[in-house]
Amino acid sequence: WVDGTPLCERFGRLFDLAENKSATVAEMFSLGWGAGGEAWVWQRQLRAWEEEMLGECQTLLLNLSLQDHISDRWQWQSDLDKGYTVRGAY
């Protein structure tokens, strides 16, 4: 998730083409998600516009600071108009 949007939705085309859809962010980071990183394994060669999307994704990820001393957690963000929703819990 970045800015309230799952990466698999924001970069859905890349997610569809990825060989390993179950890799965690930590696993991707350890493999290297920069240009030429081993984290990126595709079902086929990317087209030019997909390469551009990958560049956008890599730029976004390279600006993130992972904090391994803080565990992941669920957090509900209330929606004043709709109240509780399952989507809000995610």
C-alpha atoms as a PDB file:
ATOM      1  CA  TRP A   1       0.000   0.000   0.000  1.00  0.00           C
ATOM      2  CA  VAL A   2       1.207   3.484  -0.875  1.00  0.00           C
ATOM      3  CA  ASP A   3      -0.977   6.514  -0.230  1.00  0.00           C
ATOM      4  CA  GLY A   4      -3.978   4.280   0.509  1.00  0.00           C
ATOM      5  CA  THR A   5      -3.751   2.264  -2.713  1.00  0.00           C
ATOM      6  CA  PRO A   6      -2.429  -1.290  -3.031  1.00  0.00           C
ATOM      7  CA  LEU A   7       0.530  -1.507  -5.395  1.00  0.00           C
ATOM      8  CA  CYS A   8      -1.149  -4.426  -7.193  1.00  0.00           C
ATOM      9  CA  GLU A   9      -3.983  -2.045  -8.144  1.00  0.00           C
ATOM     10  CA  ARG A  10      -1.889   1.019  -8.899  1.00  0.00           C
ATOM     11  CA  PHE A  11       0.412  -1.045 -11.133  1.00  0.00           C
ATOM     12  CA  GLY A  12      -2.104  -3.713 -12.108  1.00  0.00           C
ATOM     13  CA  ARG A  13      -0.596  -4.440 -15.512  1.00  0.00           C
ATOM     14  CA  LEU A  14       2.815  -5.146 -13.966  1.00  0.00           C
ATOM     15  CA  PHE A  15       1.190  -7.318 -11.308  1.00  0.00           C
ATOM     16  CA  ASP A  16      -0.608  -9.311 -14.036  1.00  0.00           C
ATOM     17  CA  LEU A  17       2.716  -9.922 -15.811  1.00  0.00           C
ATOM     18  CA  ALA A  18       4.722 -10.758 -12.691  1.00  0.00           C
ATOM     19  CA  GLU A  19       5.874 -14.371 -12.303  1.00  0.00           C
ATOM     20  CA  ASN A  20       5.650 -14.349  -8.497  1.00  0.00           C
ATOM     21  CA  LYS A  21       2.488 -12.623  -7.318  1.00  0.00           C
ATOM     22  CA  SER A  22       2.865 -13.812  -3.729  1.00  0.00           C
ATOM     23  CA  ALA A  23       6.222 -12.143  -2.987  1.00  0.00           C
ATOM     24  CA  THR A  24       6.172  -9.744  -0.050  1.00  0.00           C
ATOM     25  CA  VAL A  25       7.518  -6.216  -0.215  1.00  0.00           C
ATOM     26  CA  ALA A  26      10.382  -7.323   2.052  1.00  0.00           C
ATOM     27  CA  GLU A  27      11.249 -10.197  -0.318  1.00  0.00           C
ATOM     28  CA  MET A  28      11.153  -7.899  -3.321  1.00  0.00           C
ATOM     29  CA  PHE A  29      13.366  -5.406  -1.507  1.00  0.00           C
ATOM     30  CA  SER A  30      15.928  -8.067  -0.587  1.00  0.00           C
ATOM     31  CA  LEU A  31      16.098  -9.248  -4.220  1.00  0.00           C
ATOM     32  CA  GLY A  32      16.588  -5.692  -5.441  1.00  0.00           C
ATOM     33  CA  TRP A  33      13.782  -3.696  -6.962  1.00  0.00           C
ATOM     34  CA  GLY A  34      15.930  -1.047  -8.603  1.00  0.00           C
ATOM     35  CA  ALA A  35      16.742  -1.075 -12.318  1.00  0.00           C
ATOM     36  CA  GLY A  36      18.045  -4.541 -13.197  1.00  0.00           C
ATOM     37  CA  GLY A  37      17.040  -5.923  -9.803  1.00  0.00           C
ATOM     38  CA  GLU A  38      16.320  -9.627  -9.470  1.00  0.00           C
ATOM     39  CA  ALA A  39      12.888  -8.917  -7.970  1.00  0.00           C
ATOM     40  CA  TRP A  40      11.464  -8.298 -11.427  1.00  0.00           C
ATOM     41  CA  VAL A  41      10.680 -11.567 -13.203  1.00  0.00           C
ATOM     42  CA  TRP A  42       8.122 -11.330 -15.993  1.00  0.00           C
ATOM     43  CA  GLN A  43       6.010 -13.828 -17.909  1.00  0.00           C
ATOM     44  CA  ARG A  44       7.212 -12.163 -21.113  1.00  0.00           C
ATOM     45  CA  GLN A  45       9.336  -9.210 -22.187  1.00  0.00           C
ATOM     46  CA  LEU A  46       7.739  -5.880 -21.268  1.00  0.00           C
ATOM     47  CA  ARG A  47       6.471  -3.506 -23.936  1.00  0.00           C
ATOM     48  CA  ALA A  48       7.709   0.097 -24.004  1.00  0.00           C
ATOM     49  CA  TRP A  49       4.706   1.509 -22.128  1.00  0.00           C
ATOM     50  CA  GLU A  50       5.023  -1.253 -19.518  1.00  0.00           C
ATOM     51  CA  GLU A  51       8.717  -0.379 -19.093  1.00  0.00           C
ATOM     52  CA  GLU A  52       7.629   3.215 -18.416  1.00  0.00           C
ATOM     53  CA  MET A  53       5.156   1.977 -15.804  1.00  0.00           C
ATOM     54  CA  LEU A  54       7.927  -0.124 -14.244  1.00  0.00           C
ATOM     55  CA  GLY A  55      10.128   2.979 -14.075  1.00  0.00           C
ATOM     56  CA  GLU A  56       7.355   4.847 -12.278  1.00  0.00           C
ATOM     57  CA  CYS A  57       6.930   1.950  -9.846  1.00  0.00           C
ATOM     58  CA  GLN A  58      10.687   1.717  -9.207  1.00  0.00           C
ATOM     59  CA  THR A  59      10.917   5.457  -8.557  1.00  0.00           C
ATOM     60  CA  LEU A  60       8.065   5.210  -6.079  1.00  0.00           C
ATOM     61  CA  LEU A  61       9.624   2.211  -4.314  1.00  0.00           C
ATOM     62  CA  LEU A  62      13.128   3.675  -4.183  1.00  0.00           C
ATOM     63  CA  ASN A  63      11.751   6.661  -2.276  1.00  0.00           C
ATOM     64  CA  LEU A  64      10.190   4.436   0.403  1.00  0.00           C
ATOM     65  CA  SER A  65      11.861   3.799   3.702  1.00  0.00           C
ATOM     66  CA  LEU A  66      11.174   0.286   4.986  1.00  0.00           C
ATOM     67  CA  GLN A  67      11.279  -0.057   8.751  1.00  0.00           C
ATOM     68  CA  ASP A  68      11.946  -3.639   9.780  1.00  0.00           C
ATOM     69  CA  HIS A  69      11.716  -2.871  13.504  1.00  0.00           C
ATOM     70  CA  ILE A  70       8.015  -1.976  13.171  1.00  0.00           C
ATOM     71  CA  SER A  71       5.592  -4.835  12.597  1.00  0.00           C
ATOM     72  CA  ASP A  72       2.779  -4.656  10.063  1.00  0.00           C
ATOM     73  CA  ARG A  73      -0.635  -3.982  11.493  1.00  0.00           C
ATOM     74  CA  TRP A  74      -4.219  -3.562  10.454  1.00  0.00           C
ATOM     75  CA  GLN A  75      -5.756  -0.182  10.996  1.00  0.00           C
ATOM     76  CA  TRP A  76      -9.348   0.851  10.476  1.00  0.00           C
ATOM     77  CA  GLN A  77      -9.848   4.303   9.022  1.00  0.00           C
ATOM     78  CA  SER A  78     -13.392   5.343   9.696  1.00  0.00           C
ATOM     79  CA  ASP A  79     -15.504   6.814   6.934  1.00  0.00           C
ATOM     80  CA  LEU A  80     -17.808   9.448   8.390  1.00  0.00           C
ATOM     81  CA  ASP A  81     -20.277   9.039   5.510  1.00  0.00           C
ATOM     82  CA  LYS A  82     -20.429   5.237   5.235  1.00  0.00           C
ATOM     83  CA  GLY A  83     -19.422   4.123   8.729  1.00  0.00           C
ATOM     84  CA  TYR A  84     -17.690   0.766   9.044  1.00  0.00           C
ATOM     85  CA  THR A  85     -16.838  -1.067   5.823  1.00  0.00           C
ATOM     86  CA  VAL A  86     -14.601  -4.082   5.272  1.00  0.00           C
ATOM     87  CA  ARG A  87     -12.704  -2.039   2.689  1.00  0.00           C
ATOM     88  CA  GLY A  88     -12.069   0.588   5.349  1.00  0.00           C
ATOM     89  CA  ALA A  89     -10.429  -2.031   7.527  1.00  0.00           C
ATOM     90  CA  TYR A  90      -7.936  -2.814   4.795  1.00  0.00           C
END
